[in-house]
Amino acid sequence: MTMEKVKLSDLSAIDRRLVQKAIEVREKAYAPFSHYKCGAALLDIRNKIHVGCNIETIDFTLTTHAEMDAINDMIKTGVFQLRTLACAVQSSSGYALPCGLCRQKIREFAQGPEAKIIAINLTRQGRIRHISVTTIGDIYPIPFTPAGLA
């Protein structure tokens, strides 16, 4: 897996905007049980930004993931491909990468395996601890595809 740590200033203006939007929408997350708030912002192929946050229920299987929420928002506008997705979570270590379920959904709606993933790790105070950049193809190289249904 290729992960490159970058500074916010190293990112393009649109990628910085995605980072900002992911951090902002994370504050709207509803996570009363896990307290694991996640925010996501994506750029679709028409250069429109869509956001999402996680929304928990007591039955965690019914929880909406932030990345899925942002993708669903994009689909409701009639667009079915994303270029870049930024994900923001608070963690004392590691990367802020999408879970396996979200990786599958991102890969299905990504422009291709080269679609960029921006992982934003935040401190408890909500400041950026570090940002890492990779692609969906790097973190999810072999997705389930329609061919698997045949």
N, C-alpha and C. Protein backbone atom coordinates (compact mmCIF):
# COMPACT_ATOMS: atom_id res chain seq x y z
N MET A 1 0.85 -1.18 0.00
CA MET A 1 0.00 0.00 0.00
C MET A 1 0.89 1.24 0.00
N THR A 2 0.57 2.17 -0.86
CA THR A 2 1.30 3.42 -0.94
C THR A 2 0.52 4.51 -0.21
N MET A 3 1.10 5.02 0.87
CA MET A 3 0.51 6.13 1.62
C MET A 3 1.59 7.20 1.70
N GLU A 4 1.21 8.39 1.33
CA GLU A 4 2.15 9.50 1.39
C GLU A 4 1.64 10.53 2.38
N LYS A 5 2.42 10.80 3.43
CA LYS A 5 2.05 11.86 4.36
C LYS A 5 2.35 13.19 3.70
N VAL A 6 1.40 14.11 3.80
CA VAL A 6 1.54 15.42 3.17
C VAL A 6 1.13 16.51 4.17
N LYS A 7 1.52 17.72 3.86
CA LYS A 7 1.07 18.89 4.61
C LYS A 7 -0.16 19.44 3.90
N LEU A 8 -1.01 20.10 4.65
CA LEU A 8 -2.20 20.71 4.06
C LEU A 8 -1.81 21.64 2.91
N SER A 9 -0.74 22.38 3.09
CA SER A 9 -0.28 23.32 2.07
C SER A 9 0.21 22.63 0.79
N ASP A 10 0.52 21.33 0.88
CA ASP A 10 0.95 20.57 -0.30
C ASP A 10 -0.22 20.20 -1.21
N LEU A 11 -1.43 20.24 -0.68
CA LEU A 11 -2.60 19.83 -1.44
C LEU A 11 -3.08 20.95 -2.37
N SER A 12 -3.78 20.56 -3.41
CA SER A 12 -4.38 21.54 -4.33
C SER A 12 -5.49 22.29 -3.60
N ALA A 13 -5.94 23.38 -4.15
CA ALA A 13 -7.00 24.18 -3.53
C ALA A 13 -8.27 23.35 -3.35
N ILE A 14 -8.64 22.56 -4.33
CA ILE A 14 -9.87 21.75 -4.22
C ILE A 14 -9.69 20.66 -3.17
N ASP A 15 -8.51 20.06 -3.08
CA ASP A 15 -8.27 19.04 -2.06
C ASP A 15 -8.28 19.65 -0.66
N ARG A 16 -7.76 20.87 -0.51
CA ARG A 16 -7.83 21.57 0.78
C ARG A 16 -9.29 21.83 1.15
N ARG A 17 -10.10 22.15 0.16
CA ARG A 17 -11.53 22.39 0.41
C ARG A 17 -12.22 21.11 0.87
N LEU A 18 -11.85 19.97 0.26
CA LEU A 18 -12.41 18.68 0.68
C LEU A 18 -12.02 18.38 2.13
N VAL A 19 -10.78 18.65 2.49
CA VAL A 19 -10.31 18.44 3.86
C VAL A 19 -11.15 19.29 4.82
N GLN A 20 -11.33 20.57 4.48
CA GLN A 20 -12.11 21.48 5.32
C GLN A 20 -13.55 20.98 5.47
N LYS A 21 -14.16 20.58 4.38
CA LYS A 21 -15.56 20.11 4.41
C LYS A 21 -15.69 18.82 5.22
N ALA A 22 -14.73 17.89 5.08
CA ALA A 22 -14.79 16.64 5.84
C ALA A 22 -14.68 16.91 7.34
N ILE A 23 -13.80 17.83 7.72
CA ILE A 23 -13.65 18.19 9.13
C ILE A 23 -14.91 18.87 9.64
N GLU A 24 -15.48 19.77 8.86
CA GLU A 24 -16.70 20.48 9.27
C GLU A 24 -17.88 19.54 9.46
N VAL A 25 -18.11 18.66 8.50
CA VAL A 25 -19.28 17.78 8.57
C VAL A 25 -19.10 16.72 9.66
N ARG A 26 -17.87 16.41 10.01
CA ARG A 26 -17.61 15.46 11.10
C ARG A 26 -18.27 15.93 12.39
N GLU A 27 -18.32 17.24 12.60
CA GLU A 27 -18.94 17.79 13.81
C GLU A 27 -20.43 17.49 13.87
N LYS A 28 -21.05 17.21 12.74
CA LYS A 28 -22.48 16.91 12.70
C LYS A 28 -22.77 15.41 12.88
N ALA A 29 -21.72 14.59 12.96
CA ALA A 29 -21.89 13.15 13.13
C ALA A 29 -22.65 12.86 14.42
N TYR A 30 -23.43 11.78 14.38
CA TYR A 30 -24.19 11.33 15.53
C TYR A 30 -23.61 9.99 15.96
N ALA A 31 -22.81 10.02 17.02
CA ALA A 31 -22.12 8.81 17.48
C ALA A 31 -22.20 8.70 19.00
N PRO A 32 -23.42 8.58 19.57
CA PRO A 32 -23.56 8.58 21.03
C PRO A 32 -23.05 7.30 21.70
N PHE A 33 -22.85 6.25 20.95
CA PHE A 33 -22.44 4.97 21.54
C PHE A 33 -20.94 4.73 21.39
N SER A 34 -20.42 4.89 20.20
CA SER A 34 -18.99 4.65 19.96
C SER A 34 -18.15 5.90 20.19
N HIS A 35 -18.77 7.07 20.05
CA HIS A 35 -18.08 8.36 20.12
C HIS A 35 -17.03 8.48 19.02
N TYR A 36 -17.15 7.69 17.96
CA TYR A 36 -16.22 7.69 16.83
C TYR A 36 -16.87 8.47 15.69
N LYS A 37 -16.59 9.77 15.68
CA LYS A 37 -17.19 10.63 14.67
C LYS A 37 -16.34 10.63 13.41
N CYS A 38 -17.01 10.55 12.28
CA CYS A 38 -16.32 10.54 10.99
C CYS A 38 -17.03 11.50 10.05
N GLY A 39 -16.24 12.22 9.28
CA GLY A 39 -16.78 13.10 8.25
C GLY A 39 -16.12 12.78 6.93
N ALA A 40 -16.88 12.90 5.85
CA ALA A 40 -16.34 12.62 4.52
C ALA A 40 -16.82 13.69 3.55
N ALA A 41 -15.96 14.01 2.61
CA ALA A 41 -16.30 14.93 1.52
C ALA A 41 -15.70 14.36 0.25
N LEU A 42 -16.49 14.38 -0.81
CA LEU A 42 -15.98 13.84 -2.07
C LEU A 42 -16.18 14.84 -3.19
N LEU A 43 -15.35 14.70 -4.20
CA LEU A 43 -15.44 15.50 -5.41
C LEU A 43 -15.89 14.57 -6.51
N ASP A 44 -17.03 14.90 -7.15
CA ASP A 44 -17.53 14.04 -8.22
C ASP A 44 -16.91 14.44 -9.56
N ILE A 45 -17.24 13.71 -10.61
CA ILE A 45 -16.64 13.97 -11.92
C ILE A 45 -17.11 15.27 -12.55
N ARG A 46 -18.13 15.89 -11.97
CA ARG A 46 -18.58 17.21 -12.45
C ARG A 46 -18.02 18.32 -11.57
N ASN A 47 -17.08 17.98 -10.69
CA ASN A 47 -16.41 18.92 -9.78
C ASN A 47 -17.33 19.51 -8.73
N LYS A 48 -18.35 18.75 -8.32
CA LYS A 48 -19.24 19.16 -7.24
C LYS A 48 -18.83 18.40 -5.98
N ILE A 49 -18.90 19.08 -4.84
CA ILE A 49 -18.56 18.47 -3.56
C ILE A 49 -19.82 17.94 -2.89
N HIS A 50 -19.70 16.74 -2.33
CA HIS A 50 -20.78 16.10 -1.56
C HIS A 50 -20.20 15.71 -0.22
N VAL A 51 -20.98 15.84 0.86
CA VAL A 51 -20.48 15.53 2.20
C VAL A 51 -21.36 14.48 2.87
N GLY A 52 -20.78 13.85 3.88
CA GLY A 52 -21.53 12.88 4.67
C GLY A 52 -20.88 12.71 6.04
N CYS A 53 -21.67 12.24 6.99
CA CYS A 53 -21.16 11.94 8.32
C CYS A 53 -21.78 10.64 8.80
N ASN A 54 -21.15 10.03 9.81
CA ASN A 54 -21.72 8.80 10.32
C ASN A 54 -22.90 9.11 11.23
N ILE A 55 -23.88 8.20 11.20
CA ILE A 55 -25.08 8.32 12.01
C ILE A 55 -25.33 6.95 12.62
N GLU A 56 -25.09 6.85 13.93
CA GLU A 56 -25.21 5.57 14.63
C GLU A 56 -26.63 5.29 15.09
N THR A 57 -26.88 4.00 15.25
CA THR A 57 -28.06 3.53 15.98
C THR A 57 -27.53 2.53 17.01
N ILE A 58 -28.36 2.17 17.96
CA ILE A 58 -27.94 1.21 18.97
C ILE A 58 -27.59 -0.13 18.32
N ASP A 59 -28.24 -0.46 17.22
CA ASP A 59 -27.89 -1.65 16.43
C ASP A 59 -26.87 -1.18 15.39
N PHE A 60 -25.59 -1.42 15.66
CA PHE A 60 -24.54 -0.89 14.81
C PHE A 60 -24.66 -1.31 13.35
N THR A 61 -25.38 -2.39 13.06
CA THR A 61 -25.54 -2.80 11.66
C THR A 61 -26.37 -1.79 10.88
N LEU A 62 -27.10 -0.96 11.57
CA LEU A 62 -27.92 0.07 10.91
C LEU A 62 -27.22 1.41 10.81
N THR A 63 -25.98 1.49 11.26
CA THR A 63 -25.23 2.73 11.23
C THR A 63 -24.89 3.13 9.81
N THR A 64 -25.05 4.41 9.52
CA THR A 64 -24.66 4.98 8.23
C THR A 64 -23.23 5.46 8.36
N HIS A 65 -22.37 5.05 7.44
CA HIS A 65 -20.98 5.47 7.45
C HIS A 65 -20.85 6.78 6.67
N ALA A 66 -19.93 7.62 7.07
CA ALA A 66 -19.76 8.95 6.46
C ALA A 66 -19.50 8.86 4.96
N GLU A 67 -18.60 7.94 4.57
CA GLU A 67 -18.26 7.81 3.14
C GLU A 67 -19.48 7.39 2.34
N MET A 68 -20.25 6.45 2.89
CA MET A 68 -21.46 5.98 2.21
C MET A 68 -22.48 7.11 2.11
N ASP A 69 -22.59 7.91 3.16
CA ASP A 69 -23.52 9.03 3.18
C ASP A 69 -23.17 10.04 2.08
N ALA A 70 -21.87 10.33 1.93
CA ALA A 70 -21.43 11.27 0.88
C ALA A 70 -21.70 10.69 -0.51
N ILE A 71 -21.43 9.41 -0.70
CA ILE A 71 -21.68 8.77 -1.99
C ILE A 71 -23.18 8.77 -2.30
N ASN A 72 -24.00 8.45 -1.31
CA ASN A 72 -25.45 8.48 -1.52
C ASN A 72 -25.92 9.87 -1.93
N ASP A 73 -25.34 10.90 -1.31
CA ASP A 73 -25.68 12.28 -1.67
C ASP A 73 -25.33 12.55 -3.13
N MET A 74 -24.17 12.07 -3.57
CA MET A 74 -23.75 12.25 -4.96
C MET A 74 -24.72 11.55 -5.91
N ILE A 75 -25.09 10.33 -5.59
CA ILE A 75 -25.97 9.55 -6.46
C ILE A 75 -27.33 10.22 -6.61
N LYS A 76 -27.82 10.83 -5.54
CA LYS A 76 -29.11 11.52 -5.59
C LYS A 76 -29.11 12.69 -6.58
N THR A 77 -27.92 13.17 -6.97
CA THR A 77 -27.84 14.26 -7.96
C THR A 77 -27.70 13.72 -9.38
N GLY A 78 -27.69 12.38 -9.52
CA GLY A 78 -27.58 11.78 -10.84
C GLY A 78 -26.16 11.55 -11.32
N VAL A 79 -25.18 11.73 -10.44
CA VAL A 79 -23.78 11.51 -10.79
C VAL A 79 -23.35 10.21 -10.12
N PHE A 80 -22.58 9.39 -10.84
CA PHE A 80 -22.24 8.06 -10.35
C PHE A 80 -20.74 7.80 -10.27
N GLN A 81 -19.92 8.84 -10.38
CA GLN A 81 -18.48 8.64 -10.28
C GLN A 81 -17.84 9.75 -9.45
N LEU A 82 -16.91 9.34 -8.59
CA LEU A 82 -16.17 10.30 -7.79
C LEU A 82 -14.71 10.29 -8.18
N ARG A 83 -14.07 11.44 -8.01
CA ARG A 83 -12.63 11.59 -8.31
C ARG A 83 -11.78 11.44 -7.05
N THR A 84 -12.23 12.10 -5.98
CA THR A 84 -11.45 12.17 -4.75
C THR A 84 -12.40 12.09 -3.56
N LEU A 85 -11.96 11.41 -2.50
CA LEU A 85 -12.75 11.35 -1.27
C LEU A 85 -11.82 11.63 -0.10
N ALA A 86 -12.24 12.57 0.77
CA ALA A 86 -11.50 12.90 1.99
C ALA A 86 -12.29 12.37 3.18
N CYS A 87 -11.58 11.79 4.13
CA CYS A 87 -12.19 11.19 5.31
C CYS A 87 -11.49 11.73 6.54
N ALA A 88 -12.25 12.25 7.52
CA ALA A 88 -11.66 12.84 8.73
C ALA A 88 -12.16 12.12 9.98
N VAL A 89 -11.21 11.65 10.79
CA VAL A 89 -11.53 11.03 12.08
C VAL A 89 -10.49 11.47 13.11
N GLN A 90 -10.85 11.34 14.38
CA GLN A 90 -9.91 11.61 15.46
C GLN A 90 -9.32 10.28 15.90
N SER A 91 -8.00 10.23 15.94
CA SER A 91 -7.32 9.01 16.37
C SER A 91 -5.94 9.38 16.90
N SER A 92 -5.52 8.66 17.93
CA SER A 92 -4.21 8.97 18.50
C SER A 92 -3.08 8.38 17.67
N SER A 93 -3.41 7.46 16.77
CA SER A 93 -2.39 6.88 15.90
C SER A 93 -3.03 6.32 14.64
N GLY A 94 -2.23 5.98 13.68
CA GLY A 94 -2.73 5.34 12.47
C GLY A 94 -3.27 6.32 11.45
N TYR A 95 -3.87 5.74 10.43
CA TYR A 95 -4.43 6.51 9.33
C TYR A 95 -5.94 6.58 9.46
N ALA A 96 -6.54 7.58 8.87
CA ALA A 96 -7.98 7.75 8.90
C ALA A 96 -8.59 7.13 7.64
N LEU A 97 -8.35 5.85 7.45
CA LEU A 97 -8.79 5.19 6.23
C LEU A 97 -10.21 4.66 6.33
N PRO A 98 -10.93 4.61 5.21
CA PRO A 98 -12.27 4.03 5.20
C PRO A 98 -12.23 2.54 5.57
N CYS A 99 -13.31 2.07 6.20
CA CYS A 99 -13.43 0.65 6.55
C CYS A 99 -13.62 -0.18 5.27
N GLY A 100 -13.64 -1.48 5.42
CA GLY A 100 -13.79 -2.38 4.27
C GLY A 100 -15.08 -2.17 3.51
N LEU A 101 -16.19 -2.00 4.22
CA LEU A 101 -17.48 -1.77 3.55
C LEU A 101 -17.43 -0.52 2.69
N CYS A 102 -16.86 0.53 3.26
CA CYS A 102 -16.78 1.79 2.53
C CYS A 102 -15.81 1.70 1.36
N ARG A 103 -14.73 0.95 1.52
CA ARG A 103 -13.80 0.76 0.41
C ARG A 103 -14.50 0.12 -0.78
N GLN A 104 -15.35 -0.85 -0.52
CA GLN A 104 -16.10 -1.49 -1.60
C GLN A 104 -17.00 -0.47 -2.30
N LYS A 105 -17.72 0.31 -1.53
CA LYS A 105 -18.65 1.29 -2.12
C LYS A 105 -17.88 2.37 -2.87
N ILE A 106 -16.78 2.84 -2.28
CA ILE A 106 -15.97 3.85 -2.96
C ILE A 106 -15.46 3.30 -4.28
N ARG A 107 -14.95 2.08 -4.26
CA ARG A 107 -14.38 1.48 -5.48
C ARG A 107 -15.45 1.34 -6.56
N GLU A 108 -16.67 0.98 -6.19
CA GLU A 108 -17.75 0.84 -7.18
C GLU A 108 -18.11 2.17 -7.83
N PHE A 109 -18.00 3.26 -7.08
CA PHE A 109 -18.40 4.56 -7.61
C PHE A 109 -17.22 5.47 -7.93
N ALA A 110 -16.02 4.97 -7.82
CA ALA A 110 -14.83 5.76 -8.15
C ALA A 110 -14.65 5.82 -9.66
N GLN A 111 -14.02 6.87 -10.10
CA GLN A 111 -13.71 7.06 -11.52
C GLN A 111 -12.81 5.93 -12.02
N GLY A 112 -12.10 5.32 -11.13
CA GLY A 112 -11.20 4.21 -11.43
C GLY A 112 -10.36 3.95 -10.21
N PRO A 113 -9.46 2.95 -10.28
CA PRO A 113 -8.63 2.64 -9.12
C PRO A 113 -7.69 3.77 -8.71
N GLU A 114 -7.48 4.74 -9.59
CA GLU A 114 -6.59 5.86 -9.28
C GLU A 114 -7.31 6.99 -8.53
N ALA A 115 -8.60 6.82 -8.22
CA ALA A 115 -9.32 7.84 -7.45
C ALA A 115 -8.60 8.06 -6.12
N LYS A 116 -8.42 9.32 -5.79
CA LYS A 116 -7.61 9.70 -4.62
C LYS A 116 -8.40 9.57 -3.33
N ILE A 117 -7.73 9.09 -2.29
CA ILE A 117 -8.26 9.05 -0.93
C ILE A 117 -7.36 9.92 -0.07
N ILE A 118 -7.97 10.91 0.60
CA ILE A 118 -7.24 11.79 1.52
C ILE A 118 -7.69 11.42 2.93
N ALA A 119 -6.76 10.90 3.72
CA ALA A 119 -7.03 10.44 5.08
C ALA A 119 -6.57 11.51 6.07
N ILE A 120 -7.51 12.07 6.84
CA ILE A 120 -7.22 13.16 7.76
C ILE A 120 -7.35 12.65 9.19
N ASN A 121 -6.25 12.62 9.90
CA ASN A 121 -6.23 12.19 11.29
C ASN A 121 -6.23 13.45 12.16
N LEU A 122 -7.22 13.56 13.03
CA LEU A 122 -7.38 14.74 13.88
C LEU A 122 -7.01 14.46 15.33
N THR A 123 -6.59 15.51 16.02
CA THR A 123 -6.36 15.44 17.46
C THR A 123 -7.71 15.52 18.18
N ARG A 124 -7.70 15.31 19.49
CA ARG A 124 -8.94 15.44 20.28
C ARG A 124 -9.53 16.85 20.17
N GLN A 125 -8.67 17.83 19.92
CA GLN A 125 -9.14 19.21 19.80
C GLN A 125 -9.64 19.53 18.39
N GLY A 126 -9.58 18.56 17.49
CA GLY A 126 -10.06 18.78 16.14
C GLY A 126 -9.06 19.38 15.19
N ARG A 127 -7.79 19.45 15.61
CA ARG A 127 -6.74 19.96 14.73
C ARG A 127 -6.16 18.81 13.92
N ILE A 128 -5.63 19.13 12.78
CA ILE A 128 -5.05 18.10 11.93
C ILE A 128 -3.76 17.58 12.56
N ARG A 129 -3.73 16.27 12.81
CA ARG A 129 -2.52 15.60 13.31
C ARG A 129 -1.64 15.26 12.12
N HIS A 130 -2.22 14.62 11.11
CA HIS A 130 -1.51 14.39 9.85
C HIS A 130 -2.51 14.05 8.75
N ILE A 131 -2.06 14.25 7.54
CA ILE A 131 -2.85 13.95 6.34
C ILE A 131 -2.04 12.97 5.51
N SER A 132 -2.70 11.95 5.02
CA SER A 132 -2.06 10.98 4.13
C SER A 132 -2.89 10.86 2.87
N VAL A 133 -2.22 10.61 1.77
CA VAL A 133 -2.89 10.49 0.48
C VAL A 133 -2.54 9.13 -0.13
N THR A 134 -3.53 8.48 -0.69
CA THR A 134 -3.36 7.21 -1.39
C THR A 134 -4.42 7.13 -2.48
N THR A 135 -4.63 5.97 -3.05
CA THR A 135 -5.70 5.76 -4.02
C THR A 135 -6.57 4.61 -3.55
N ILE A 136 -7.78 4.56 -4.06
CA ILE A 136 -8.67 3.45 -3.69
C ILE A 136 -8.11 2.14 -4.21
N GLY A 137 -7.43 2.16 -5.35
CA GLY A 137 -6.82 0.94 -5.89
C GLY A 137 -5.72 0.41 -5.00
N ASP A 138 -4.99 1.31 -4.33
CA ASP A 138 -3.93 0.88 -3.42
C ASP A 138 -4.49 0.25 -2.15
N ILE A 139 -5.56 0.84 -1.60
CA ILE A 139 -6.08 0.30 -0.33
C ILE A 139 -7.13 -0.78 -0.54
N TYR A 140 -7.63 -0.94 -1.76
CA TYR A 140 -8.63 -1.98 -2.06
C TYR A 140 -8.39 -2.50 -3.47
N PRO A 141 -7.34 -3.28 -3.65
CA PRO A 141 -6.91 -3.66 -4.99
C PRO A 141 -7.80 -4.67 -5.73
N ILE A 142 -8.53 -5.50 -5.00
CA ILE A 142 -9.33 -6.53 -5.66
C ILE A 142 -10.78 -6.43 -5.16
N PRO A 143 -11.58 -5.59 -5.80
CA PRO A 143 -12.96 -5.40 -5.33
C PRO A 143 -13.89 -6.49 -5.84
N PHE A 144 -15.02 -6.62 -5.18
CA PHE A 144 -16.12 -7.45 -5.66
C PHE A 144 -16.74 -6.68 -6.83
N THR A 145 -16.94 -7.34 -7.96
CA THR A 145 -17.47 -6.66 -9.16
C THR A 145 -18.71 -7.40 -9.68
N PRO A 146 -19.43 -6.78 -10.62
CA PRO A 146 -20.59 -7.48 -11.20
C PRO A 146 -20.25 -8.84 -11.78
N ALA A 147 -19.02 -9.03 -12.21
CA ALA A 147 -18.59 -10.34 -12.74
C ALA A 147 -18.73 -11.43 -11.66
N GLY A 148 -18.61 -11.02 -10.38
CA GLY A 148 -18.76 -11.97 -9.29
C GLY A 148 -20.17 -12.49 -9.12
N LEU A 149 -21.13 -11.82 -9.73
CA LEU A 149 -22.52 -12.25 -9.66
C LEU A 149 -22.89 -13.30 -10.72
N ALA A 150 -22.02 -13.43 -11.73
CA ALA A 150 -22.32 -14.35 -12.84
C ALA A 150 -22.19 -15.78 -12.42
